[in-house]
């Protein structure tokens, strides 16, 4: 409904098995220009091109603080698509989820 948080490139939120998400992201990096809003812990598991660290997996406060800067950085890149993790829908994660789901125009890809 509202896309006021959305960059120009499409945003896809990923949900599912973490190892399979990393494998999916590696394949996407090899196939196309993508920006990835990644957890700090994932940086070494992915190619550096297009990575935008948003904070530790369990540090929702830092992720929330970095979100808009990360989306702007992704928007300034030449990425065809932007990937990010689907935040939890509880506590501080819910506020992050609401912002991210709008940026992604409710586009969530299940990876199992």
Protein backbone atom coordinates (compact mmCIF):
# COMPACT_ATOMS: atom_id res chain seq x y z
CA UNK A 1 0.00 0.00 0.00
CA UNK A 2 2.70 2.51 1.01
CA UNK A 3 6.08 2.51 -0.74
CA UNK A 4 7.51 5.65 0.86
CA UNK A 5 10.42 3.69 2.34
CA UNK A 6 11.20 1.98 -0.95
CA UNK A 7 14.28 2.48 -3.11
CA UNK A 8 13.96 2.50 -6.90
CA UNK A 9 15.22 -1.09 -7.29
CA UNK A 10 12.84 -3.81 -6.13
CA UNK A 11 13.37 -5.04 -2.57
CA UNK A 12 12.86 -8.72 -1.76
CA UNK A 13 12.78 -9.95 1.82
CA UNK A 14 14.13 -13.45 2.41
CA UNK A 15 12.77 -15.86 5.00
CA UNK A 16 13.74 -19.43 5.77
CA UNK A 17 16.78 -21.60 6.40
CA UNK A 18 19.85 -19.38 6.95
CA UNK A 19 22.32 -21.68 5.14
CA UNK A 20 20.02 -21.94 2.14
CA UNK A 21 19.52 -18.16 2.14
CA UNK A 22 23.31 -17.70 1.99
CA UNK A 23 23.54 -20.20 -0.89
CA UNK A 24 20.73 -18.35 -2.68
CA UNK A 25 22.48 -15.00 -2.17
CA UNK A 26 25.81 -16.35 -3.46
CA UNK A 27 24.05 -17.61 -6.61
CA UNK A 28 22.30 -14.26 -7.06
CA UNK A 29 25.60 -12.38 -6.66
CA UNK A 30 27.08 -14.52 -9.45
CA UNK A 31 24.09 -13.97 -11.73
CA UNK A 32 23.15 -10.29 -11.35
CA UNK A 33 23.96 -6.95 -9.79
CA UNK A 34 22.37 -7.04 -6.37
CA UNK A 35 22.64 -5.16 -3.13
CA UNK A 36 22.36 -7.24 0.03
CA UNK A 37 21.45 -5.78 3.39
CA UNK A 38 23.28 -8.44 5.36
CA UNK A 39 23.98 -9.29 8.97
CA UNK A 40 27.54 -8.59 10.12
CA UNK A 41 28.05 -12.34 10.64
CA UNK A 42 27.37 -13.03 6.95
CA UNK A 43 29.90 -10.62 5.44
CA UNK A 44 32.68 -13.21 5.13
CA UNK A 45 30.34 -15.82 3.60
CA UNK A 46 29.37 -13.59 0.66
CA UNK A 47 31.25 -11.78 -2.09
CA UNK A 48 31.97 -8.20 -0.96
CA UNK A 49 30.38 -6.50 -3.97
CA UNK A 50 27.01 -5.04 -3.06
CA UNK A 51 27.13 -5.96 0.63
CA UNK A 52 25.64 -3.44 3.04
CA UNK A 53 26.08 -4.61 6.65
CA UNK A 54 23.17 -3.59 8.87
CA UNK A 55 24.35 -4.96 12.22
CA UNK A 56 24.53 -8.23 14.09
CA UNK A 57 21.70 -10.72 13.60
CA UNK A 58 20.46 -10.25 17.17
CA UNK A 59 21.04 -6.46 17.34
CA UNK A 60 17.68 -5.15 16.16
CA UNK A 61 18.35 -1.67 17.55
CA UNK A 62 21.41 -1.25 15.31
CA UNK A 63 19.53 -2.70 12.34
CA UNK A 64 16.69 -0.22 12.87
CA UNK A 65 19.19 2.65 13.22
CA UNK A 66 21.00 1.71 9.98
CA UNK A 67 17.95 0.81 7.89
CA UNK A 68 17.33 4.08 6.04
CA UNK A 69 21.02 4.71 5.41
CA UNK A 70 21.35 1.15 4.09
CA UNK A 71 18.35 1.55 1.79
CA UNK A 72 19.71 4.86 0.47
CA UNK A 73 23.12 3.26 -0.10
CA UNK A 74 21.47 0.38 -1.97
CA UNK A 75 19.49 2.89 -4.02
CA UNK A 76 22.68 4.74 -5.02
CA UNK A 77 24.32 1.50 -6.17
CA UNK A 78 23.72 0.07 -9.62
CA UNK A 79 21.87 -2.93 -8.17
CA UNK A 80 19.01 -4.42 -10.16
CA UNK A 81 17.52 -5.90 -6.99
CA UNK A 82 17.95 -5.48 -3.24
CA UNK A 83 17.79 -8.42 -0.84
CA UNK A 84 17.31 -8.29 2.93
CA UNK A 85 16.24 -10.64 5.69
CA UNK A 86 12.64 -10.64 6.87
CA UNK A 87 12.78 -9.25 10.43
CA UNK A 88 10.99 -10.98 13.31
CA UNK A 89 7.45 -9.77 13.93
CA UNK A 90 7.80 -9.17 17.66
CA UNK A 91 9.26 -6.51 19.93
CA UNK A 92 11.59 -4.05 18.20
CA UNK A 93 11.63 -6.45 15.25
CA UNK A 94 8.00 -5.55 14.54
CA UNK A 95 8.87 -1.89 13.89
CA UNK A 96 11.73 -3.00 11.65
CA UNK A 97 9.43 -5.52 9.95
CA UNK A 98 6.83 -2.82 9.23
CA UNK A 99 9.40 -0.55 7.59
CA UNK A 100 11.00 -3.36 5.61
CA UNK A 101 7.73 -4.89 4.40
CA UNK A 102 6.73 -1.47 3.03
CA UNK A 103 10.10 -1.01 1.34
CA UNK A 104 9.63 -4.43 -0.25
CA UNK A 105 6.02 -3.75 -1.26
CA UNK A 106 5.19 -6.93 0.71
CA UNK A 107 7.49 -9.09 -1.45
CA UNK A 108 8.76 -12.01 0.63
CA UNK A 109 10.56 -15.03 -0.81
CA UNK A 110 10.56 -18.23 1.22
CA UNK A 111 13.87 -20.13 0.99
CA UNK A 112 13.70 -23.75 2.23
